[in-house]
Amino acid sequence: MKVEKGKLIKESLNILASEKFTAFTYTVPASKGEMVEGRKIVKAGTILPENDATAKGVLLDDVDVTNGDNLGALIEQGFILKDRLPIAPATEAITALKQITFK
């Protein structure tokens, strides 16, 4: 993984409904990125690996995947504001994410 000095493209939207959450390191795939101001970004609030029954968690912060897969923090337990997510969670994803409460 290439490490380089970056710049803040814009502030990430807060998706947390509470300050208490549990997140783990997760390799964010470059295939999930969208172009934002010349960089390939996976948005905070993205459900990974997919927004379906295979969901494992919700991405805490934007992750730059311009140069390939990169590490991010995946929330696996906590309270999430579902209206602030970039894409609404599917019913199957909500069921799979047993330790996340969507408000």
Protein backbone atom coordinates (compact mmCIF):
# COMPACT_ATOMS: atom_id res chain seq x y z
CA MET A 1 0.00 0.00 0.00
CA LYS A 2 1.37 3.40 -0.98
CA VAL A 3 1.41 6.08 1.72
CA GLU A 4 1.38 9.71 0.65
CA LYS A 5 0.52 13.09 2.07
CA GLY A 6 -3.08 13.95 1.25
CA LYS A 7 -5.35 16.92 1.42
CA LEU A 8 -8.78 17.22 2.94
CA ILE A 9 -11.26 17.26 0.08
CA LYS A 10 -14.19 18.17 2.30
CA GLU A 11 -15.48 17.38 5.75
CA SER A 12 -17.04 13.95 6.24
CA LEU A 13 -20.64 13.91 7.38
CA ASN A 14 -21.11 12.59 10.92
CA ILE A 15 -23.07 9.34 10.70
CA LEU A 16 -22.91 8.48 14.42
CA ALA A 17 -25.98 8.80 16.65
CA SER A 18 -23.86 8.20 19.78
CA GLU A 19 -20.24 8.59 20.80
CA LYS A 20 -20.08 4.91 21.75
CA PHE A 21 -19.18 2.55 18.92
CA THR A 22 -16.79 -0.27 18.08
CA ALA A 23 -14.80 -0.15 14.83
CA PHE A 24 -12.12 -2.39 13.40
CA THR A 25 -9.54 -1.98 10.64
CA TYR A 26 -10.91 -3.03 7.27
CA THR A 27 -9.38 -3.13 3.80
CA VAL A 28 -11.60 -0.91 1.66
CA PRO A 29 -11.67 -2.07 -1.97
CA ALA A 30 -10.83 0.47 -4.66
CA SER A 31 -13.77 -0.86 -6.69
CA LYS A 32 -16.15 0.92 -4.26
CA GLY A 33 -14.64 4.37 -4.90
CA GLU A 34 -16.26 7.28 -6.74
CA MET A 35 -14.41 10.25 -8.23
CA VAL A 36 -14.49 13.35 -6.01
CA GLU A 37 -12.36 16.34 -7.03
CA GLY A 38 -9.87 14.17 -8.90
CA ARG A 39 -9.54 11.51 -6.18
CA LYS A 40 -11.26 8.11 -5.89
CA ILE A 41 -13.13 8.14 -2.56
CA VAL A 42 -15.28 5.61 -0.69
CA LYS A 43 -17.75 7.69 1.33
CA ALA A 44 -18.25 7.48 5.08
CA GLY A 45 -21.43 5.52 5.75
CA THR A 46 -20.84 3.01 2.97
CA ILE A 47 -21.98 -0.46 4.01
CA LEU A 48 -19.25 -3.01 3.30
CA PRO A 49 -18.57 -5.39 1.70
CA GLU A 50 -22.04 -5.02 0.11
CA ASN A 51 -25.37 -3.45 1.06
CA ASP A 52 -27.03 -6.87 1.43
CA ALA A 53 -27.01 -9.96 3.68
CA THR A 54 -23.17 -10.10 3.49
CA ALA A 55 -22.80 -6.71 5.26
CA LYS A 56 -20.14 -6.63 8.01
CA GLY A 57 -20.16 -2.96 8.99
CA VAL A 58 -20.41 0.73 8.09
CA LEU A 59 -17.40 2.81 7.04
CA LEU A 60 -16.65 5.48 9.67
CA ASP A 61 -14.75 8.01 7.52
CA ASP A 62 -14.14 8.73 3.85
CA VAL A 63 -11.30 6.55 2.50
CA ASP A 64 -9.10 7.55 -0.46
CA VAL A 65 -8.63 4.56 -2.77
CA THR A 66 -7.09 6.48 -5.68
CA ASN A 67 -3.94 4.32 -5.55
CA GLY A 68 -5.71 1.04 -4.80
CA ASP A 69 -7.25 -0.68 -1.78
CA ASN A 70 -6.71 1.22 1.47
CA LEU A 71 -7.40 0.78 5.17
CA GLY A 72 -10.41 2.29 6.91
CA ALA A 73 -12.38 1.92 10.14
CA LEU A 74 -15.46 -0.28 9.85
CA ILE A 75 -18.12 0.21 12.53
CA GLU A 76 -19.39 -3.16 13.71
CA GLN A 77 -21.26 -2.03 16.81
CA GLY A 78 -23.05 1.23 17.60
CA PHE A 79 -25.83 3.63 16.67
CA ILE A 80 -25.94 5.04 13.11
CA LEU A 81 -28.08 7.84 11.64
CA LYS A 82 -29.43 6.05 8.56
CA ASP A 83 -30.64 9.27 6.90
CA ARG A 84 -27.01 10.46 6.67
CA LEU A 85 -25.71 7.40 4.83
CA PRO A 86 -24.84 7.87 1.13
CA ILE A 87 -27.17 4.96 0.24
CA ALA A 88 -30.05 3.75 2.42
CA PRO A 89 -29.32 0.40 4.06
CA ALA A 90 -31.13 -2.56 2.50
CA THR A 91 -33.41 -4.60 4.74
CA GLU A 92 -31.01 -7.55 4.38
CA ALA A 93 -28.06 -5.41 5.49
CA ILE A 94 -29.94 -4.13 8.55
CA THR A 95 -30.70 -7.74 9.50
CA ALA A 96 -27.06 -8.81 8.97
CA LEU A 97 -25.68 -5.94 11.08
CA LYS A 98 -27.06 -7.27 14.36
CA GLN A 99 -24.94 -5.03 16.60
CA ILE A 100 -25.71 -1.80 14.75
CA THR A 101 -28.88 0.13 15.49
CA PHE A 102 -30.07 2.42 12.71
CA LYS A 103 -31.95 5.51 13.92
